[in-house]
């Protein structure tokens, strides 16, 4: 599929130079560059991957908080009420 791209003059010169050095067409250089870009994007980390070293780092060391949260809250409120 044909595509027209406007490039700044300096980018066009770099592209021509690299194409000449590599003995490839400008189109081939652009295709290879896009392939590398897409590969890098696909390898980017998810939000979970970026933050997983932080998850649980400052935890309470109580593994039941998500399961017993209502019970624990009730106990704390009752203790506060009676103090």
PDB file of N, CA and C in Angstrom:
ATOM      1  N   UNK A   1       0.843  -1.166   0.000  1.00  0.00           N
ATOM      2  CA  UNK A   1       0.000   0.000   0.000  1.00  0.00           C
ATOM      3  C   UNK A   1       0.895   1.238   0.000  1.00  0.00           C
ATOM      4  N   UNK A   2       0.756   2.086  -0.959  1.00  0.00           N
ATOM      5  CA  UNK A   2       1.566   3.304  -1.021  1.00  0.00           C
ATOM      6  C   UNK A   2       1.209   4.263   0.120  1.00  0.00           C
ATOM      7  N   UNK A   3       2.227   4.972   0.588  1.00  0.00           N
ATOM      8  CA  UNK A   3       2.054   5.921   1.674  1.00  0.00           C
ATOM      9  C   UNK A   3       2.999   7.085   1.441  1.00  0.00           C
ATOM     10  N   UNK A   4       2.503   8.278   1.636  1.00  0.00           N
ATOM     11  CA  UNK A   4       3.343   9.458   1.482  1.00  0.00           C
ATOM     12  C   UNK A   4       3.644  10.018   2.860  1.00  0.00           C
ATOM     13  N   UNK A   5       4.924  10.282   3.108  1.00  0.00           N
ATOM     14  CA  UNK A   5       5.342  10.824   4.396  1.00  0.00           C
ATOM     15  C   UNK A   5       6.193  12.059   4.137  1.00  0.00           C
ATOM     16  N   UNK A   6       5.891  13.128   4.839  1.00  0.00           N
ATOM     17  CA  UNK A   6       6.711  14.348   4.736  1.00  0.00           C
ATOM     18  C   UNK A   6       7.768  14.305   5.829  1.00  0.00           C
ATOM     19  N   UNK A   7       9.013  14.431   5.415  1.00  0.00           N
ATOM     20  CA  UNK A   7      10.128  14.395   6.347  1.00  0.00           C
ATOM     21  C   UNK A   7      10.863  15.722   6.338  1.00  0.00           C
ATOM     22  N   UNK A   8      11.385  16.133   7.496  1.00  0.00           N
ATOM     23  CA  UNK A   8      12.244  17.314   7.499  1.00  0.00           C
ATOM     24  C   UNK A   8      13.475  17.048   6.629  1.00  0.00           C
ATOM     25  N   UNK A   9      14.038  18.096   6.069  1.00  0.00           N
ATOM     26  CA  UNK A   9      15.171  17.961   5.144  1.00  0.00           C
ATOM     27  C   UNK A   9      16.325  17.172   5.766  1.00  0.00           C
ATOM     28  N   UNK A  10      16.618  17.446   7.042  1.00  0.00           N
ATOM     29  CA  UNK A  10      17.741  16.746   7.684  1.00  0.00           C
ATOM     30  C   UNK A  10      17.473  15.250   7.830  1.00  0.00           C
ATOM     31  N   UNK A  11      16.223  14.866   8.083  1.00  0.00           N
ATOM     32  CA  UNK A  11      15.873  13.448   8.181  1.00  0.00           C
ATOM     33  C   UNK A  11      15.977  12.798   6.809  1.00  0.00           C
ATOM     34  N   UNK A  12      15.527  13.499   5.791  1.00  0.00           N
ATOM     35  CA  UNK A  12      15.623  12.992   4.416  1.00  0.00           C
ATOM     36  C   UNK A  12      17.081  12.752   4.028  1.00  0.00           C
ATOM     37  N   UNK A  13      17.964  13.665   4.399  1.00  0.00           N
ATOM     38  CA  UNK A  13      19.393  13.503   4.097  1.00  0.00           C
ATOM     39  C   UNK A  13      19.979  12.297   4.832  1.00  0.00           C
ATOM     40  N   UNK A  14      19.610  12.149   6.102  1.00  0.00           N
ATOM     41  CA  UNK A  14      20.087  10.991   6.867  1.00  0.00           C
ATOM     42  C   UNK A  14      19.577   9.695   6.255  1.00  0.00           C
ATOM     43  N   UNK A  15      18.320   9.681   5.866  1.00  0.00           N
ATOM     44  CA  UNK A  15      17.724   8.496   5.245  1.00  0.00           C
ATOM     45  C   UNK A  15      18.444   8.143   3.946  1.00  0.00           C
ATOM     46  N   UNK A  16      18.688   9.144   3.102  1.00  0.00           N
ATOM     47  CA  UNK A  16      19.414   8.899   1.844  1.00  0.00           C
ATOM     48  C   UNK A  16      20.811   8.359   2.113  1.00  0.00           C
ATOM     49  N   UNK A  17      21.471   8.938   3.101  1.00  0.00           N
ATOM     50  CA  UNK A  17      22.836   8.526   3.429  1.00  0.00           C
ATOM     51  C   UNK A  17      22.873   7.081   3.915  1.00  0.00           C
ATOM     52  N   UNK A  18      21.975   6.746   4.810  1.00  0.00           N
ATOM     53  CA  UNK A  18      21.933   5.380   5.342  1.00  0.00           C
ATOM     54  C   UNK A  18      21.561   4.389   4.243  1.00  0.00           C
ATOM     55  N   UNK A  19      20.606   4.760   3.407  1.00  0.00           N
ATOM     56  CA  UNK A  19      20.203   3.882   2.306  1.00  0.00           C
ATOM     57  C   UNK A  19      21.396   3.621   1.374  1.00  0.00           C
ATOM     58  N   UNK A  20      22.171   4.646   1.101  1.00  0.00           N
ATOM     59  CA  UNK A  20      23.335   4.503   0.227  1.00  0.00           C
ATOM     60  C   UNK A  20      24.380   3.602   0.888  1.00  0.00           C
ATOM     61  N   UNK A  21      24.650   3.844   2.183  1.00  0.00           N
ATOM     62  CA  UNK A  21      25.650   3.039   2.889  1.00  0.00           C
ATOM     63  C   UNK A  21      25.238   1.573   3.001  1.00  0.00           C
ATOM     64  N   UNK A  22      23.974   1.351   3.245  1.00  0.00           N
ATOM     65  CA  UNK A  22      23.461  -0.016   3.418  1.00  0.00           C
ATOM     66  C   UNK A  22      23.141  -0.691   2.080  1.00  0.00           C
ATOM     67  N   UNK A  23      23.190   0.087   1.013  1.00  0.00           N
ATOM     68  CA  UNK A  23      22.839  -0.398  -0.329  1.00  0.00           C
ATOM     69  C   UNK A  23      21.420  -0.961  -0.340  1.00  0.00           C
ATOM     70  N   UNK A  24      20.517  -0.172   0.263  1.00  0.00           N
ATOM     71  CA  UNK A  24      19.101  -0.521   0.314  1.00  0.00           C
ATOM     72  C   UNK A  24      18.297   0.689  -0.139  1.00  0.00           C
ATOM     73  N   UNK A  25      17.048   0.438  -0.472  1.00  0.00           N
ATOM     74  CA  UNK A  25      16.179   1.558  -0.846  1.00  0.00           C
ATOM     75  C   UNK A  25      15.720   2.286   0.411  1.00  0.00           C
ATOM     76  N   UNK A  26      15.315   3.525   0.255  1.00  0.00           N
ATOM     77  CA  UNK A  26      14.771   4.288   1.377  1.00  0.00           C
ATOM     78  C   UNK A  26      13.535   3.572   1.932  1.00  0.00           C
ATOM     79  N   UNK A  27      12.757   2.991   1.038  1.00  0.00           N
ATOM     80  CA  UNK A  27      11.560   2.257   1.458  1.00  0.00           C
ATOM     81  C   UNK A  27      11.931   1.104   2.378  1.00  0.00           C
ATOM     82  N   UNK A  28      12.979   0.360   2.018  1.00  0.00           N
ATOM     83  CA  UNK A  28      13.393  -0.771   2.853  1.00  0.00           C
ATOM     84  C   UNK A  28      13.881  -0.306   4.224  1.00  0.00           C
ATOM     85  N   UNK A  29      14.615   0.794   4.253  1.00  0.00           N
ATOM     86  CA  UNK A  29      15.095   1.335   5.525  1.00  0.00           C
ATOM     87  C   UNK A  29      13.908   1.735   6.401  1.00  0.00           C
ATOM     88  N   UNK A  30      12.923   2.381   5.816  1.00  0.00           N
ATOM     89  CA  UNK A  30      11.738   2.807   6.564  1.00  0.00           C
ATOM     90  C   UNK A  30      10.957   1.596   7.062  1.00  0.00           C
ATOM     91  N   UNK A  31      10.793   0.573   6.215  1.00  0.00           N
ATOM     92  CA  UNK A  31      10.084  -0.639   6.635  1.00  0.00           C
ATOM     93  C   UNK A  31      10.788  -1.308   7.806  1.00  0.00           C
ATOM     94  N   UNK A  32      12.118  -1.425   7.716  1.00  0.00           N
ATOM     95  CA  UNK A  32      12.886  -2.043   8.802  1.00  0.00           C
ATOM     96  C   UNK A  32      12.767  -1.220  10.079  1.00  0.00           C
ATOM     97  N   UNK A  33      12.797   0.088   9.936  1.00  0.00           N
ATOM     98  CA  UNK A  33      12.673   0.964  11.102  1.00  0.00           C
ATOM     99  C   UNK A  33      11.318   0.806  11.763  1.00  0.00           C
ATOM    100  N   UNK A  34      10.278   0.727  10.966  1.00  0.00           N
ATOM    101  CA  UNK A  34       8.936   0.539  11.515  1.00  0.00           C
ATOM    102  C   UNK A  34       8.806  -0.819  12.191  1.00  0.00           C
ATOM    103  N   UNK A  35       9.381  -1.852  11.585  1.00  0.00           N
ATOM    104  CA  UNK A  35       9.354  -3.182  12.203  1.00  0.00           C
ATOM    105  C   UNK A  35      10.019  -3.154  13.585  1.00  0.00           C
ATOM    106  N   UNK A  36      11.173  -2.498  13.673  1.00  0.00           N
ATOM    107  CA  UNK A  36      11.872  -2.392  14.951  1.00  0.00           C
ATOM    108  C   UNK A  36      11.046  -1.604  15.968  1.00  0.00           C
ATOM    109  N   UNK A  37      10.417  -0.539  15.513  1.00  0.00           N
ATOM    110  CA  UNK A  37       9.576   0.275  16.386  1.00  0.00           C
ATOM    111  C   UNK A  37       8.400  -0.542  16.923  1.00  0.00           C
ATOM    112  N   UNK A  38       7.718  -1.262  16.034  1.00  0.00           N
ATOM    113  CA  UNK A  38       6.577  -2.078  16.452  1.00  0.00           C
ATOM    114  C   UNK A  38       7.010  -3.176  17.421  1.00  0.00           C
ATOM    115  N   UNK A  39       8.163  -3.753  17.168  1.00  0.00           N
ATOM    116  CA  UNK A  39       8.692  -4.800  18.060  1.00  0.00           C
ATOM    117  C   UNK A  39       8.947  -4.219  19.447  1.00  0.00           C
ATOM    118  N   UNK A  40       9.529  -3.033  19.490  1.00  0.00           N
ATOM    119  CA  UNK A  40       9.818  -2.392  20.774  1.00  0.00           C
ATOM    120  C   UNK A  40       8.531  -2.054  21.523  1.00  0.00           C
ATOM    121  N   UNK A  41       7.535  -1.580  20.799  1.00  0.00           N
ATOM    122  CA  UNK A  41       6.253  -1.242  21.420  1.00  0.00           C
ATOM    123  C   UNK A  41       5.609  -2.496  22.000  1.00  0.00           C
ATOM    124  N   UNK A  42       5.657  -3.591  21.280  1.00  0.00           N
ATOM    125  CA  UNK A  42       5.051  -4.843  21.753  1.00  0.00           C
ATOM    126  C   UNK A  42       5.770  -5.401  22.973  1.00  0.00           C
ATOM    127  N   UNK A  43       7.037  -5.058  23.127  1.00  0.00           N
ATOM    128  CA  UNK A  43       7.806  -5.558  24.260  1.00  0.00           C
ATOM    129  C   UNK A  43       7.675  -4.645  25.476  1.00  0.00           C
ATOM    130  N   UNK A  44       6.995  -3.522  25.332  1.00  0.00           N
ATOM    131  CA  UNK A  44       6.900  -2.602  26.459  1.00  0.00           C
ATOM    132  C   UNK A  44       6.135  -3.259  27.595  1.00  0.00           C
ATOM    133  N   UNK A  45       6.465  -2.871  28.779  1.00  0.00           N
ATOM    134  CA  UNK A  45       5.907  -3.509  29.961  1.00  0.00           C
ATOM    135  C   UNK A  45       4.520  -2.970  30.289  1.00  0.00           C
ATOM    136  N   UNK A  46       3.705  -3.829  30.852  1.00  0.00           N
ATOM    137  CA  UNK A  46       2.374  -3.431  31.307  1.00  0.00           C
ATOM    138  C   UNK A  46       2.508  -2.630  32.597  1.00  0.00           C
ATOM    139  N   UNK A  47       1.423  -2.011  33.011  1.00  0.00           N
ATOM    140  CA  UNK A  47       1.420  -1.262  34.272  1.00  0.00           C
ATOM    141  C   UNK A  47       1.802  -2.174  35.429  1.00  0.00           C
ATOM    142  N   UNK A  48       1.296  -3.398  35.405  1.00  0.00           N
ATOM    143  CA  UNK A  48       1.633  -4.357  36.457  1.00  0.00           C
ATOM    144  C   UNK A  48       3.133  -4.634  36.474  1.00  0.00           C
ATOM    145  N   UNK A  49       3.701  -4.895  35.298  1.00  0.00           N
ATOM    146  CA  UNK A  49       5.132  -5.191  35.218  1.00  0.00           C
ATOM    147  C   UNK A  49       5.970  -4.025  35.732  1.00  0.00           C
ATOM    148  N   UNK A  50       5.556  -2.794  35.427  1.00  0.00           N
ATOM    149  CA  UNK A  50       6.319  -1.628  35.857  1.00  0.00           C
ATOM    150  C   UNK A  50       6.281  -1.442  37.372  1.00  0.00           C
ATOM    151  N   UNK A  51       5.197  -1.843  38.018  1.00  0.00           N
ATOM    152  CA  UNK A  51       5.068  -1.597  39.445  1.00  0.00           C
ATOM    153  C   UNK A  51       5.157  -2.810  40.339  1.00  0.00           C
ATOM    154  N   UNK A  52       5.374  -3.986  39.768  1.00  0.00           N
ATOM    155  CA  UNK A  52       5.290  -5.197  40.592  1.00  0.00           C
ATOM    156  C   UNK A  52       6.339  -5.249  41.705  1.00  0.00           C
ATOM    157  N   UNK A  53       7.462  -4.570  41.523  1.00  0.00           N
ATOM    158  CA  UNK A  53       8.464  -4.564  42.592  1.00  0.00           C
ATOM    159  C   UNK A  53       8.003  -3.741  43.795  1.00  0.00           C
ATOM    160  N   UNK A  54       6.958  -2.918  43.613  1.00  0.00           N
ATOM    161  CA  UNK A  54       6.429  -2.115  44.712  1.00  0.00           C
ATOM    162  C   UNK A  54       5.267  -2.788  45.432  1.00  0.00           C
ATOM    163  N   UNK A  55       4.582  -3.699  44.773  1.00  0.00           N
ATOM    164  CA  UNK A  55       3.400  -4.321  45.344  1.00  0.00           C
ATOM    165  C   UNK A  55       3.783  -5.140  46.574  1.00  0.00           C
ATOM    166  N   UNK A  56       3.142  -4.835  47.681  1.00  0.00           N
ATOM    167  CA  UNK A  56       3.397  -5.556  48.910  1.00  0.00           C
ATOM    168  C   UNK A  56       4.628  -5.085  49.654  1.00  0.00           C
ATOM    169  N   UNK A  57       5.346  -4.147  49.114  1.00  0.00           N
ATOM    170  CA  UNK A  57       6.583  -3.689  49.731  1.00  0.00           C
ATOM    171  C   UNK A  57       6.325  -3.070  51.103  1.00  0.00           C
ATOM    172  N   UNK A  58       5.241  -2.354  51.216  1.00  0.00           N
ATOM    173  CA  UNK A  58       4.915  -1.691  52.474  1.00  0.00           C
ATOM    174  C   UNK A  58       3.676  -2.310  53.100  1.00  0.00           C
ATOM    175  N   UNK A  59       3.538  -3.593  52.948  1.00  0.00           N
ATOM    176  CA  UNK A  59       2.367  -4.298  53.447  1.00  0.00           C
ATOM    177  C   UNK A  59       2.347  -4.407  54.967  1.00  0.00           C
ATOM    178  N   UNK A  60       1.221  -4.827  55.468  1.00  0.00           N
ATOM    179  CA  UNK A  60       1.025  -4.963  56.907  1.00  0.00           C
ATOM    180  C   UNK A  60       1.498  -6.314  57.413  1.00  0.00           C
ATOM    181  N   UNK A  61       1.877  -7.170  56.510  1.00  0.00           N
ATOM    182  CA  UNK A  61       2.278  -8.544  56.817  1.00  0.00           C
ATOM    183  C   UNK A  61       1.103  -9.377  57.320  1.00  0.00           C
ATOM    184  N   UNK A  62      -0.103  -8.890  57.077  1.00  0.00           N
ATOM    185  CA  UNK A  62      -1.310  -9.640  57.406  1.00  0.00           C
ATOM    186  C   UNK A  62      -1.928 -10.072  56.081  1.00  0.00           C
ATOM    187  N   UNK A  63      -1.934 -11.340  55.828  1.00  0.00           N
ATOM    188  CA  UNK A  63      -2.422 -11.843  54.554  1.00  0.00           C
ATOM    189  C   UNK A  63      -3.932 -11.906  54.441  1.00  0.00           C
ATOM    190  N   UNK A  64      -4.648 -11.573  55.516  1.00  0.00           N
ATOM    191  CA  UNK A  64      -6.097 -11.728  55.504  1.00  0.00           C
ATOM    192  C   UNK A  64      -6.854 -10.404  55.319  1.00  0.00           C
ATOM    193  N   UNK A  65      -6.178  -9.322  55.063  1.00  0.00           N
ATOM    194  CA  UNK A  65      -6.838  -8.019  55.007  1.00  0.00           C
ATOM    195  C   UNK A  65      -7.923  -7.930  53.938  1.00  0.00           C
ATOM    196  N   UNK A  66      -7.682  -8.463  52.797  1.00  0.00           N
ATOM    197  CA  UNK A  66      -8.694  -8.356  51.731  1.00  0.00           C
ATOM    198  C   UNK A  66      -9.884  -9.270  52.009  1.00  0.00           C
ATOM    199  N   UNK A  67      -9.661 -10.340  52.693  1.00  0.00           N
ATOM    200  CA  UNK A  67     -10.737 -11.298  52.978  1.00  0.00           C
ATOM    201  C   UNK A  67     -11.557 -10.855  54.195  1.00  0.00           C
ATOM    202  N   UNK A  68     -10.864 -10.414  55.251  1.00  0.00           N
ATOM    203  CA  UNK A  68     -11.524 -10.087  56.508  1.00  0.00           C
ATOM    204  C   UNK A  68     -11.636  -8.584  56.757  1.00  0.00           C
ATOM    205  N   UNK A  69     -11.610  -7.771  55.718  1.00  0.00           N
ATOM    206  CA  UNK A  69     -11.576  -6.322  55.904  1.00  0.00           C
ATOM    207  C   UNK A  69     -12.772  -5.797  56.690  1.00  0.00           C
ATOM    208  N   UNK A  70     -13.962  -6.287  56.398  1.00  0.00           N
ATOM    209  CA  UNK A  70     -15.149  -5.805  57.116  1.00  0.00           C
ATOM    210  C   UNK A  70     -15.076  -6.192  58.591  1.00  0.00           C
ATOM    211  N   UNK A  71     -14.701  -7.408  58.860  1.00  0.00           N
ATOM    212  CA  UNK A  71     -14.594  -7.893  60.243  1.00  0.00           C
ATOM    213  C   UNK A  71     -13.555  -7.075  61.011  1.00  0.00           C
ATOM    214  N   UNK A  72     -12.407  -6.854  60.396  1.00  0.00           N
ATOM    215  CA  UNK A  72     -11.347  -6.097  61.046  1.00  0.00           C
ATOM    216  C   UNK A  72     -11.760  -4.651  61.299  1.00  0.00           C
ATOM    217  N   UNK A  73     -12.464  -4.052  60.352  1.00  0.00           N
ATOM    218  CA  UNK A  73     -12.937  -2.677  60.516  1.00  0.00           C
ATOM    219  C   UNK A  73     -13.929  -2.603  61.668  1.00  0.00           C
ATOM    220  N   UNK A  74     -14.866  -3.551  61.715  1.00  0.00           N
ATOM    221  CA  UNK A  74     -15.851  -3.596  62.797  1.00  0.00           C
ATOM    222  C   UNK A  74     -15.154  -3.712  64.156  1.00  0.00           C
ATOM    223  N   UNK A  75     -14.162  -4.579  64.246  1.00  0.00           N
ATOM    224  CA  UNK A  75     -13.420  -4.763  65.495  1.00  0.00           C
ATOM    225  C   UNK A  75     -12.726  -3.469  65.922  1.00  0.00           C
ATOM    226  N   UNK A  76     -12.113  -2.786  64.972  1.00  0.00           N
ATOM    227  CA  UNK A  76     -11.427  -1.523  65.289  1.00  0.00           C
ATOM    228  C   UNK A  76     -12.407  -0.448  65.735  1.00  0.00           C
ATOM    229  N   UNK A  77     -13.549  -0.358  65.040  1.00  0.00           N
ATOM    230  CA  UNK A  77     -14.544   0.640  65.418  1.00  0.00           C
ATOM    231  C   UNK A  77     -15.130   0.338  66.791  1.00  0.00           C
ATOM    232  N   UNK A  78     -15.384  -0.931  67.070  1.00  0.00           N
ATOM    233  CA  UNK A  78     -15.899  -1.322  68.391  1.00  0.00           C
ATOM    234  C   UNK A  78     -14.885  -1.017  69.480  1.00  0.00           C
ATOM    235  N   UNK A  79     -13.613  -1.284  69.224  1.00  0.00           N
ATOM    236  CA  UNK A  79     -12.549  -1.016  70.190  1.00  0.00           C
ATOM    237  C   UNK A  79     -12.443   0.477  70.449  1.00  0.00           C
ATOM    238  N   UNK A  80     -12.603   1.276  69.414  1.00  0.00           N
ATOM    239  CA  UNK A  80     -12.532   2.737  69.550  1.00  0.00           C
ATOM    240  C   UNK A  80     -13.733   3.246  70.351  1.00  0.00           C
ATOM    241  N   UNK A  81     -14.883   2.657  70.084  1.00  0.00           N
ATOM    242  CA  UNK A  81     -16.123   3.062  70.756  1.00  0.00           C
ATOM    243  C   UNK A  81     -16.042   2.783  72.263  1.00  0.00           C
ATOM    244  N   UNK A  82     -15.389   1.676  72.630  1.00  0.00           N
ATOM    245  CA  UNK A  82     -15.325   1.246  74.019  1.00  0.00           C
ATOM    246  C   UNK A  82     -14.099   1.781  74.762  1.00  0.00           C
ATOM    247  N   UNK A  83     -13.301   2.568  74.114  1.00  0.00           N
ATOM    248  CA  UNK A  83     -12.115   3.091  74.800  1.00  0.00           C
ATOM    249  C   UNK A  83     -12.304   4.495  75.328  1.00  0.00           C
TER     250      UNK A  83
END
